[in-house]
Amino acid sequence: MSRSILILLAHPLPDSLCAALAHTYADSAMRAGHQVTLLELATLQFDPLLRHAYRQRQPLEPDLERAAQALQACDHLVLVYPTWWGAMPALLKGFLDRLLLPGFAFRYRRDSVWWDRLLAGRSARVITTMDTPPWYYRWRYSDPGIAQLRRTVLQFCGIAPVRVTRLGPVRSSSPARRQRWLQAIARLGAAGH
């Protein structure tokens, strides 16, 4: 079954491992017949600061408007980023702060503590690189960046299931190991997972 896939690349360097992973996923998915949109967040023109919190609407820049349309149109979201200081980079956090707004991604119910998840019907894959061994990141640090992104961002907006691929440690990885990672990501892309 063909899927509509939106890939968000949140690494500032075009020659990074994250960029190679995102492009490998995209190429493999397209060859398998999926519709793919790849957004390289570092190339988008937008203010990452939610300047008025939720008190006043901040107009979306054209790049964010296009990103919102792509998110609405997709049925599978892929986020590719490095884990820095235990979590997503500021670029991705600012992008999500600006894009996942009330009325677009969620809506609070009147006179209730509950909310409506406006992005339901979509799944997600998180692909993150790190210099920490992934088992240690989960065991010692309790997976803080993934927990935040999965539970309090994506699932809050209705995106589920959220599957995670943690790759590391990058710093000490061999070319052969990186090639195996790229092959694994190519398989995910072909399957649309």
N, C-alpha and C. Protein backbone atom coordinates (compact mmCIF):
# COMPACT_ATOMS: atom_id res chain seq x y z
N MET A 1 0.84 -1.18 0.00
CA MET A 1 0.00 0.00 0.00
C MET A 1 0.89 1.25 0.00
N SER A 2 0.62 2.13 -0.91
CA SER A 2 1.39 3.37 -1.03
C SER A 2 1.00 4.34 0.08
N ARG A 3 2.00 4.98 0.65
CA ARG A 3 1.77 5.94 1.73
C ARG A 3 2.24 7.32 1.31
N SER A 4 1.70 8.32 1.97
CA SER A 4 2.17 9.69 1.81
C SER A 4 3.04 9.99 3.03
N ILE A 5 4.32 10.21 2.80
CA ILE A 5 5.30 10.31 3.88
C ILE A 5 5.92 11.70 3.89
N LEU A 6 5.94 12.30 5.08
CA LEU A 6 6.63 13.57 5.29
C LEU A 6 7.85 13.29 6.15
N ILE A 7 9.03 13.67 5.65
CA ILE A 7 10.29 13.49 6.39
C ILE A 7 10.79 14.85 6.82
N LEU A 8 11.07 14.98 8.12
CA LEU A 8 11.64 16.20 8.67
C LEU A 8 13.09 15.91 9.05
N LEU A 9 14.03 16.55 8.38
CA LEU A 9 15.45 16.41 8.69
C LEU A 9 15.85 17.61 9.53
N ALA A 10 16.30 17.33 10.75
CA ALA A 10 16.61 18.41 11.69
C ALA A 10 18.08 18.39 12.10
N HIS A 11 18.96 18.30 11.13
CA HIS A 11 20.40 18.45 11.37
C HIS A 11 20.87 19.60 10.49
N PRO A 12 21.68 20.52 11.01
CA PRO A 12 22.07 21.68 10.22
C PRO A 12 23.06 21.40 9.10
N LEU A 13 23.76 20.28 9.14
CA LEU A 13 24.81 20.02 8.16
C LEU A 13 24.34 19.07 7.06
N PRO A 14 24.47 19.48 5.80
CA PRO A 14 24.01 18.64 4.70
C PRO A 14 24.83 17.37 4.50
N ASP A 15 26.04 17.31 5.07
CA ASP A 15 26.87 16.11 4.92
C ASP A 15 26.87 15.25 6.19
N SER A 16 25.88 15.43 7.05
CA SER A 16 25.81 14.68 8.30
C SER A 16 25.28 13.27 8.08
N LEU A 17 25.48 12.42 9.07
CA LEU A 17 24.89 11.09 9.04
C LEU A 17 23.37 11.20 9.01
N CYS A 18 22.81 12.13 9.76
CA CYS A 18 21.35 12.31 9.74
C CYS A 18 20.85 12.62 8.34
N ALA A 19 21.56 13.48 7.62
CA ALA A 19 21.16 13.80 6.25
C ALA A 19 21.22 12.56 5.37
N ALA A 20 22.27 11.77 5.52
CA ALA A 20 22.37 10.53 4.74
C ALA A 20 21.23 9.58 5.07
N LEU A 21 20.87 9.49 6.35
CA LEU A 21 19.76 8.63 6.76
C LEU A 21 18.44 9.11 6.17
N ALA A 22 18.19 10.41 6.24
CA ALA A 22 16.94 10.97 5.72
C ALA A 22 16.83 10.75 4.21
N HIS A 23 17.91 11.01 3.49
CA HIS A 23 17.88 10.84 2.04
C HIS A 23 17.79 9.36 1.64
N THR A 24 18.43 8.50 2.41
CA THR A 24 18.32 7.06 2.15
C THR A 24 16.89 6.60 2.34
N TYR A 25 16.26 7.02 3.44
CA TYR A 25 14.86 6.67 3.68
C TYR A 25 13.99 7.17 2.53
N ALA A 26 14.17 8.45 2.16
CA ALA A 26 13.35 9.06 1.10
C ALA A 26 13.53 8.33 -0.23
N ASP A 27 14.76 8.07 -0.62
CA ASP A 27 15.03 7.41 -1.90
C ASP A 27 14.42 6.01 -1.94
N SER A 28 14.59 5.28 -0.86
CA SER A 28 14.06 3.92 -0.80
C SER A 28 12.53 3.93 -0.82
N ALA A 29 11.93 4.86 -0.09
CA ALA A 29 10.46 4.96 -0.06
C ALA A 29 9.91 5.31 -1.44
N MET A 30 10.56 6.25 -2.13
CA MET A 30 10.09 6.63 -3.47
C MET A 30 10.21 5.47 -4.45
N ARG A 31 11.33 4.74 -4.38
CA ARG A 31 11.50 3.58 -5.26
C ARG A 31 10.42 2.52 -5.01
N ALA A 32 9.93 2.46 -3.78
CA ALA A 32 8.89 1.49 -3.42
C ALA A 32 7.49 1.99 -3.76
N GLY A 33 7.39 3.21 -4.30
CA GLY A 33 6.09 3.73 -4.73
C GLY A 33 5.39 4.65 -3.76
N HIS A 34 6.04 5.00 -2.67
CA HIS A 34 5.44 5.93 -1.72
C HIS A 34 5.62 7.37 -2.21
N GLN A 35 4.69 8.24 -1.82
CA GLN A 35 4.83 9.67 -2.10
C GLN A 35 5.62 10.28 -0.95
N VAL A 36 6.68 11.00 -1.25
CA VAL A 36 7.58 11.50 -0.22
C VAL A 36 7.79 13.00 -0.36
N THR A 37 7.71 13.68 0.78
CA THR A 37 8.12 15.08 0.89
C THR A 37 9.21 15.13 1.94
N LEU A 38 10.36 15.68 1.59
CA LEU A 38 11.48 15.82 2.52
C LEU A 38 11.71 17.29 2.79
N LEU A 39 11.59 17.67 4.06
CA LEU A 39 11.86 19.06 4.47
C LEU A 39 13.15 19.09 5.28
N GLU A 40 14.11 19.85 4.81
CA GLU A 40 15.36 20.05 5.55
C GLU A 40 15.17 21.33 6.36
N LEU A 41 14.93 21.18 7.66
CA LEU A 41 14.52 22.31 8.48
C LEU A 41 15.55 23.44 8.49
N ALA A 42 16.83 23.11 8.36
CA ALA A 42 17.87 24.14 8.37
C ALA A 42 17.80 25.06 7.16
N THR A 43 17.10 24.64 6.12
CA THR A 43 16.99 25.47 4.92
C THR A 43 15.70 26.30 4.90
N LEU A 44 14.80 26.04 5.83
CA LEU A 44 13.53 26.78 5.87
C LEU A 44 13.73 28.14 6.51
N GLN A 45 12.94 29.10 6.06
CA GLN A 45 12.99 30.46 6.60
C GLN A 45 11.81 30.64 7.55
N PHE A 46 12.10 30.61 8.86
CA PHE A 46 11.05 30.84 9.86
C PHE A 46 11.70 31.24 11.18
N ASP A 47 10.93 31.94 11.98
CA ASP A 47 11.36 32.33 13.33
C ASP A 47 11.01 31.16 14.25
N PRO A 48 11.99 30.53 14.91
CA PRO A 48 11.69 29.39 15.75
C PRO A 48 11.08 29.75 17.11
N LEU A 49 10.96 31.04 17.39
CA LEU A 49 10.42 31.45 18.68
C LEU A 49 8.92 31.67 18.61
N LEU A 50 8.21 31.08 19.53
CA LEU A 50 6.78 31.32 19.68
C LEU A 50 6.66 32.60 20.50
N ARG A 51 6.71 33.72 19.85
CA ARG A 51 6.93 35.02 20.49
C ARG A 51 5.82 35.49 21.42
N HIS A 52 4.61 35.04 21.21
CA HIS A 52 3.50 35.49 22.06
C HIS A 52 2.89 34.35 22.85
N ALA A 53 3.63 33.24 22.98
CA ALA A 53 3.09 32.03 23.58
C ALA A 53 1.80 31.70 22.84
N TYR A 54 0.74 31.38 23.55
CA TYR A 54 -0.54 31.11 22.88
C TYR A 54 -1.52 32.26 23.07
N ARG A 55 -1.04 33.40 23.51
CA ARG A 55 -1.92 34.54 23.77
C ARG A 55 -2.33 35.26 22.50
N GLN A 56 -1.49 35.20 21.51
CA GLN A 56 -1.75 35.92 20.26
C GLN A 56 -1.22 35.08 19.11
N ARG A 57 -1.94 35.06 18.03
CA ARG A 57 -1.54 34.28 16.86
C ARG A 57 -0.32 34.93 16.19
N GLN A 58 0.69 34.14 15.92
CA GLN A 58 1.88 34.60 15.20
C GLN A 58 1.76 34.07 13.77
N PRO A 59 1.69 34.94 12.79
CA PRO A 59 1.50 34.46 11.41
C PRO A 59 2.60 33.48 11.00
N LEU A 60 2.20 32.45 10.29
CA LEU A 60 3.16 31.48 9.79
C LEU A 60 3.86 32.02 8.55
N GLU A 61 5.17 31.86 8.51
CA GLU A 61 5.93 32.20 7.32
C GLU A 61 5.56 31.23 6.20
N PRO A 62 5.82 31.58 4.94
CA PRO A 62 5.46 30.69 3.82
C PRO A 62 6.02 29.27 3.97
N ASP A 63 7.26 29.13 4.46
CA ASP A 63 7.82 27.78 4.63
C ASP A 63 7.04 26.98 5.67
N LEU A 64 6.59 27.63 6.74
CA LEU A 64 5.78 26.93 7.74
C LEU A 64 4.39 26.61 7.21
N GLU A 65 3.84 27.48 6.39
CA GLU A 65 2.54 27.18 5.77
C GLU A 65 2.65 25.93 4.89
N ARG A 66 3.74 25.84 4.12
CA ARG A 66 3.95 24.66 3.28
C ARG A 66 4.16 23.41 4.14
N ALA A 67 4.88 23.57 5.24
CA ALA A 67 5.09 22.43 6.15
C ALA A 67 3.77 21.97 6.75
N ALA A 68 2.91 22.92 7.12
CA ALA A 68 1.60 22.57 7.68
C ALA A 68 0.77 21.80 6.66
N GLN A 69 0.80 22.25 5.41
CA GLN A 69 0.06 21.55 4.35
C GLN A 69 0.61 20.14 4.14
N ALA A 70 1.92 20.00 4.18
CA ALA A 70 2.53 18.68 4.01
C ALA A 70 2.17 17.76 5.17
N LEU A 71 2.13 18.29 6.38
CA LEU A 71 1.76 17.48 7.54
C LEU A 71 0.30 17.06 7.45
N GLN A 72 -0.57 17.97 7.02
CA GLN A 72 -1.98 17.62 6.85
C GLN A 72 -2.15 16.52 5.80
N ALA A 73 -1.34 16.56 4.76
CA ALA A 73 -1.49 15.62 3.64
C ALA A 73 -0.87 14.25 3.90
N CYS A 74 0.03 14.14 4.85
CA CYS A 74 0.75 12.88 5.05
C CYS A 74 -0.06 11.92 5.93
N ASP A 75 0.27 10.63 5.79
CA ASP A 75 -0.26 9.66 6.74
C ASP A 75 0.86 9.02 7.56
N HIS A 76 2.11 9.37 7.25
CA HIS A 76 3.25 8.88 8.03
C HIS A 76 4.29 9.99 8.12
N LEU A 77 4.73 10.26 9.33
CA LEU A 77 5.71 11.31 9.61
C LEU A 77 7.01 10.66 10.05
N VAL A 78 8.12 11.10 9.47
CA VAL A 78 9.44 10.60 9.85
C VAL A 78 10.27 11.78 10.32
N LEU A 79 10.82 11.69 11.52
CA LEU A 79 11.67 12.74 12.07
C LEU A 79 13.08 12.18 12.19
N VAL A 80 14.05 12.86 11.60
CA VAL A 80 15.45 12.42 11.63
C VAL A 80 16.26 13.54 12.25
N TYR A 81 16.93 13.23 13.37
CA TYR A 81 17.67 14.27 14.07
C TYR A 81 18.73 13.66 14.99
N PRO A 82 19.74 14.46 15.36
CA PRO A 82 20.71 14.01 16.35
C PRO A 82 20.17 14.27 17.75
N THR A 83 20.47 13.39 18.66
CA THR A 83 20.15 13.64 20.07
C THR A 83 21.30 14.46 20.64
N TRP A 84 20.99 15.68 21.02
CA TRP A 84 21.97 16.57 21.64
C TRP A 84 21.47 16.92 23.04
N TRP A 85 22.33 16.75 24.03
CA TRP A 85 21.96 17.02 25.41
C TRP A 85 20.69 16.26 25.81
N GLY A 86 20.58 15.03 25.32
CA GLY A 86 19.50 14.15 25.72
C GLY A 86 18.18 14.35 25.00
N ALA A 87 18.12 15.28 24.05
CA ALA A 87 16.83 15.58 23.41
C ALA A 87 17.03 16.05 21.98
N MET A 88 15.94 16.48 21.37
CA MET A 88 15.98 16.98 19.99
C MET A 88 16.72 18.31 19.94
N PRO A 89 17.30 18.67 18.80
CA PRO A 89 17.96 19.97 18.66
C PRO A 89 16.95 21.12 18.73
N ALA A 90 17.44 22.28 19.08
CA ALA A 90 16.59 23.47 19.20
C ALA A 90 15.85 23.77 17.90
N LEU A 91 16.48 23.49 16.77
CA LEU A 91 15.85 23.73 15.47
C LEU A 91 14.52 22.97 15.35
N LEU A 92 14.53 21.70 15.73
CA LEU A 92 13.31 20.89 15.65
C LEU A 92 12.30 21.34 16.70
N LYS A 93 12.77 21.64 17.89
CA LYS A 93 11.85 22.11 18.94
C LYS A 93 11.16 23.39 18.52
N GLY A 94 11.92 24.34 17.97
CA GLY A 94 11.33 25.59 17.52
C GLY A 94 10.34 25.39 16.38
N PHE A 95 10.67 24.48 15.47
CA PHE A 95 9.77 24.15 14.36
C PHE A 95 8.45 23.60 14.90
N LEU A 96 8.54 22.66 15.84
CA LEU A 96 7.33 22.07 16.40
C LEU A 96 6.54 23.09 17.22
N ASP A 97 7.24 23.94 17.98
CA ASP A 97 6.56 25.00 18.74
C ASP A 97 5.72 25.87 17.82
N ARG A 98 6.27 26.22 16.69
CA ARG A 98 5.58 27.13 15.76
C ARG A 98 4.49 26.44 14.96
N LEU A 99 4.66 25.15 14.66
CA LEU A 99 3.74 24.47 13.76
C LEU A 99 2.57 23.80 14.47
N LEU A 100 2.83 23.15 15.58
CA LEU A 100 1.79 22.34 16.24
C LEU A 100 0.96 23.21 17.18
N LEU A 101 0.15 24.04 16.59
CA LEU A 101 -0.62 25.05 17.32
C LEU A 101 -2.03 24.58 17.64
N PRO A 102 -2.64 25.20 18.67
CA PRO A 102 -4.05 24.93 18.94
C PRO A 102 -4.88 25.27 17.71
N GLY A 103 -5.83 24.41 17.41
CA GLY A 103 -6.67 24.60 16.23
C GLY A 103 -6.11 23.91 15.00
N PHE A 104 -4.83 23.58 15.02
CA PHE A 104 -4.21 22.84 13.92
C PHE A 104 -3.85 21.42 14.37
N ALA A 105 -3.11 21.31 15.46
CA ALA A 105 -2.65 20.01 15.94
C ALA A 105 -3.50 19.45 17.08
N PHE A 106 -4.12 20.32 17.83
CA PHE A 106 -4.97 19.91 18.96
C PHE A 106 -5.96 21.03 19.25
N ARG A 107 -6.98 20.68 20.03
CA ARG A 107 -7.95 21.70 20.45
C ARG A 107 -8.42 21.35 21.86
N TYR A 108 -8.26 22.30 22.77
CA TYR A 108 -8.76 22.08 24.12
C TYR A 108 -10.28 22.13 24.12
N ARG A 109 -10.89 21.27 24.90
CA ARG A 109 -12.35 21.25 25.01
C ARG A 109 -12.79 22.29 26.04
N ARG A 110 -13.88 22.92 25.74
CA ARG A 110 -14.43 23.94 26.63
C ARG A 110 -14.84 23.30 27.96
N ASP A 111 -14.47 23.93 29.05
CA ASP A 111 -14.84 23.48 30.39
C ASP A 111 -14.40 22.04 30.67
N SER A 112 -13.22 21.67 30.19
CA SER A 112 -12.72 20.31 30.37
C SER A 112 -11.20 20.33 30.41
N VAL A 113 -10.64 19.33 31.07
CA VAL A 113 -9.18 19.18 31.06
C VAL A 113 -8.72 18.41 29.82
N TRP A 114 -9.65 17.86 29.04
CA TRP A 114 -9.32 17.03 27.89
C TRP A 114 -9.22 17.86 26.62
N TRP A 115 -8.69 17.25 25.60
CA TRP A 115 -8.45 17.93 24.34
C TRP A 115 -8.74 16.97 23.18
N ASP A 116 -8.89 17.54 22.00
CA ASP A 116 -9.07 16.77 20.78
C ASP A 116 -7.74 16.70 20.05
N ARG A 117 -7.40 15.52 19.60
CA ARG A 117 -6.15 15.27 18.88
C ARG A 117 -6.42 15.42 17.38
N LEU A 118 -6.03 16.54 16.82
CA LEU A 118 -6.42 16.87 15.45
C LEU A 118 -5.54 16.23 14.37
N LEU A 119 -4.45 15.59 14.77
CA LEU A 119 -3.58 14.93 13.79
C LEU A 119 -3.70 13.41 13.85
N ALA A 120 -4.79 12.93 14.42
CA ALA A 120 -5.03 11.48 14.50
C ALA A 120 -5.10 10.90 13.10
N GLY A 121 -4.77 9.61 13.01
CA GLY A 121 -4.77 8.93 11.72
C GLY A 121 -3.41 8.88 11.07
N ARG A 122 -2.42 9.42 11.74
CA ARG A 122 -1.05 9.40 11.22
C ARG A 122 -0.17 8.58 12.16
N SER A 123 0.85 7.97 11.60
CA SER A 123 1.85 7.26 12.39
C SER A 123 3.17 8.02 12.26
N ALA A 124 4.15 7.63 13.07
CA ALA A 124 5.44 8.31 13.01
C ALA A 124 6.59 7.33 13.24
N ARG A 125 7.71 7.68 12.67
CA ARG A 125 8.98 6.99 12.90
C ARG A 125 9.98 8.06 13.30
N VAL A 126 10.63 7.88 14.44
CA VAL A 126 11.70 8.76 14.89
C VAL A 126 13.01 8.03 14.64
N ILE A 127 13.92 8.67 13.93
CA ILE A 127 15.26 8.13 13.69
C ILE A 127 16.22 9.13 14.30
N THR A 128 16.90 8.70 15.35
CA THR A 128 17.80 9.62 16.03
C THR A 128 19.18 9.00 16.21
N THR A 129 20.19 9.84 16.03
CA THR A 129 21.57 9.42 16.23
C THR A 129 22.05 9.99 17.56
N MET A 130 23.03 9.32 18.14
CA MET A 130 23.58 9.79 19.42
C MET A 130 24.99 9.24 19.60
N ASP A 131 25.74 9.91 20.44
CA ASP A 131 27.08 9.42 20.76
C ASP A 131 27.07 8.48 21.95
N THR A 132 25.97 8.42 22.65
CA THR A 132 25.79 7.49 23.76
C THR A 132 25.28 6.16 23.19
N PRO A 133 25.71 5.04 23.73
CA PRO A 133 25.09 3.79 23.29
C PRO A 133 23.59 3.83 23.59
N PRO A 134 22.75 3.48 22.63
CA PRO A 134 21.30 3.58 22.85
C PRO A 134 20.80 2.83 24.09
N TRP A 135 21.38 1.66 24.38
CA TRP A 135 20.94 0.92 25.56
C TRP A 135 21.22 1.73 26.83
N TYR A 136 22.35 2.43 26.85
CA TYR A 136 22.70 3.24 28.03
C TYR A 136 21.78 4.46 28.12
N TYR A 137 21.47 5.06 27.02
CA TYR A 137 20.56 6.22 26.98
C TYR A 137 19.20 5.83 27.56
N ARG A 138 18.71 4.64 27.20
CA ARG A 138 17.42 4.19 27.72
C ARG A 138 17.53 3.80 29.20
N TRP A 139 18.58 3.06 29.57
CA TRP A 139 18.71 2.53 30.92
C TRP A 139 19.09 3.62 31.92
N ARG A 140 20.12 4.39 31.63
CA ARG A 140 20.64 5.37 32.58
C ARG A 140 19.82 6.66 32.60
N TYR A 141 19.42 7.12 31.44
CA TYR A 141 18.74 8.41 31.35
C TYR A 141 17.22 8.29 31.15
N SER A 142 16.71 7.09 31.01
CA SER A 142 15.27 6.83 30.84
C SER A 142 14.70 7.41 29.55
N ASP A 143 15.53 7.54 28.52
CA ASP A 143 15.04 7.93 27.19
C ASP A 143 14.31 9.29 27.20
N PRO A 144 14.87 10.33 27.81
CA PRO A 144 14.11 11.57 28.02
C PRO A 144 13.65 12.26 26.75
N GLY A 145 14.50 12.37 25.76
CA GLY A 145 14.11 13.06 24.54
C GLY A 145 13.02 12.33 23.77
N ILE A 146 13.12 11.00 23.76
CA ILE A 146 12.11 10.20 23.07
C ILE A 146 10.80 10.27 23.83
N ALA A 147 10.86 10.18 25.15
CA ALA A 147 9.62 10.26 25.95
C ALA A 147 8.91 11.58 25.70
N GLN A 148 9.68 12.67 25.67
CA GLN A 148 9.07 13.98 25.41
C GLN A 148 8.42 14.02 24.04
N LEU A 149 9.15 13.64 23.02
CA LEU A 149 8.64 13.73 21.66
C LEU A 149 7.46 12.78 21.44
N ARG A 150 7.59 11.56 21.91
CA ARG A 150 6.54 10.56 21.69
C ARG A 150 5.26 10.93 22.45
N ARG A 151 5.38 11.12 23.76
CA ARG A 151 4.18 11.27 24.59
C ARG A 151 3.59 12.67 24.60
N THR A 152 4.46 13.66 24.80
CA THR A 152 3.92 15.01 25.04
C THR A 152 3.85 15.87 23.80
N VAL A 153 4.30 15.34 22.67
CA VAL A 153 4.19 16.09 21.41
C VAL A 153 3.35 15.28 20.42
N LEU A 154 3.91 14.19 19.91
CA LEU A 154 3.24 13.46 18.83
C LEU A 154 1.94 12.81 19.28
N GLN A 155 1.98 12.01 20.35
CA GLN A 155 0.75 11.36 20.80
C GLN A 155 -0.26 12.37 21.33
N PHE A 156 0.21 13.45 21.92
CA PHE A 156 -0.69 14.51 22.38
C PHE A 156 -1.54 15.03 21.22
N CYS A 157 -0.93 15.09 20.03
CA CYS A 157 -1.63 15.59 18.83
C CYS A 157 -2.36 14.48 18.08
N GLY A 158 -2.25 13.24 18.55
CA GLY A 158 -2.96 12.13 17.93
C GLY A 158 -2.13 11.25 17.02
N ILE A 159 -0.85 11.55 16.87
CA ILE A 159 0.01 10.76 15.99
C ILE A 159 0.45 9.51 16.74
N ALA A 160 0.01 8.35 16.24
CA ALA A 160 0.33 7.08 16.88
C ALA A 160 0.03 5.96 15.88
N PRO A 161 0.82 4.88 15.94
CA PRO A 161 1.92 4.66 16.84
C PRO A 161 3.15 5.47 16.45
N VAL A 162 4.04 5.62 17.43
CA VAL A 162 5.32 6.30 17.22
C VAL A 162 6.41 5.25 17.46
N ARG A 163 7.09 4.89 16.40
CA ARG A 163 8.18 3.90 16.51
C ARG A 163 9.51 4.63 16.46
N VAL A 164 10.51 4.05 17.14
CA VAL A 164 11.79 4.75 17.30
C VAL A 164 12.94 3.86 16.86
N THR A 165 13.87 4.47 16.12
CA THR A 165 15.13 3.84 15.75
C THR A 165 16.24 4.72 16.32
N ARG A 166 16.99 4.16 17.29
CA ARG A 166 18.11 4.87 17.92
C ARG A 166 19.41 4.31 17.36
N LEU A 167 20.27 5.17 16.85
CA LEU A 167 21.53 4.74 16.26
C LEU A 167 22.69 5.36 17.01
N GLY A 168 23.58 4.53 17.49
CA GLY A 168 24.73 5.04 18.20
C GLY A 168 25.55 3.90 18.79
N PRO A 169 26.68 4.24 19.35
CA PRO A 169 27.29 5.57 19.37
C PRO A 169 27.90 5.92 18.01
N VAL A 170 27.58 7.09 17.53
CA VAL A 170 28.06 7.54 16.22
C VAL A 170 29.55 7.84 16.25
N ARG A 171 29.99 8.50 17.30
CA ARG A 171 31.38 8.98 17.40
C ARG A 171 32.39 7.86 17.16
N SER A 172 32.10 6.69 17.68
CA SER A 172 33.06 5.58 17.56
C SER A 172 32.63 4.54 16.53
N SER A 173 31.64 4.86 15.71
CA SER A 173 31.14 3.87 14.75
C SER A 173 32.08 3.74 13.55
N SER A 174 32.15 2.54 13.04
CA SER A 174 32.99 2.26 11.87
C SER A 174 32.19 2.53 10.60
N PRO A 175 32.87 2.71 9.46
CA PRO A 175 32.15 2.84 8.20
C PRO A 175 31.23 1.65 7.93
N ALA A 176 31.65 0.45 8.31
CA ALA A 176 30.81 -0.74 8.11
C ALA A 176 29.53 -0.65 8.94
N ARG A 177 29.65 -0.20 10.16
CA ARG A 177 28.46 -0.05 11.01
C ARG A 177 27.52 1.00 10.43
N ARG A 178 28.06 2.12 9.98
CA ARG A 178 27.21 3.16 9.39
C ARG A 178 26.51 2.64 8.14
N GLN A 179 27.20 1.83 7.37
CA GLN A 179 26.58 1.24 6.18
C GLN A 179 25.43 0.33 6.58
N ARG A 180 25.59 -0.44 7.65
CA ARG A 180 24.49 -1.30 8.13
C ARG A 180 23.31 -0.45 8.59
N TRP A 181 23.59 0.67 9.24
CA TRP A 181 22.50 1.57 9.65
C TRP A 181 21.75 2.08 8.43
N LEU A 182 22.47 2.51 7.41
CA LEU A 182 21.84 3.01 6.19
C LEU A 182 20.99 1.93 5.51
N GLN A 183 21.49 0.70 5.51
CA GLN A 183 20.72 -0.41 4.93
C GLN A 183 19.43 -0.66 5.71
N ALA A 184 19.52 -0.59 7.03
CA ALA A 184 18.32 -0.78 7.86
C ALA A 184 17.30 0.32 7.60
N ILE A 185 17.77 1.55 7.44
CA ILE A 185 16.87 2.68 7.18
C ILE A 185 16.27 2.55 5.78
N ALA A 186 17.03 2.05 4.82
CA ALA A 186 16.49 1.83 3.47
C ALA A 186 15.34 0.82 3.52
N ARG A 187 15.47 -0.22 4.34
CA ARG A 187 14.39 -1.20 4.47
C ARG A 187 13.14 -0.55 5.08
N LEU A 188 13.34 0.29 6.10
CA LEU A 188 12.20 1.00 6.70
C LEU A 188 11.52 1.89 5.66
N GLY A 189 12.31 2.61 4.88
CA GLY A 189 11.75 3.48 3.86
C GLY A 189 10.94 2.72 2.82
N ALA A 190 11.48 1.60 2.36
CA ALA A 190 10.77 0.80 1.36
C ALA A 190 9.44 0.30 1.90
N ALA A 191 9.42 -0.05 3.18
CA ALA A 191 8.19 -0.55 3.81
C ALA A 191 7.24 0.59 4.20
N GLY A 192 7.73 1.81 4.19
CA GLY A 192 6.91 2.94 4.63
C GLY A 192 6.67 2.93 6.12
N HIS A 193 7.65 2.43 6.87
CA HIS A 193 7.53 2.36 8.33
C HIS A 193 8.50 3.30 9.01
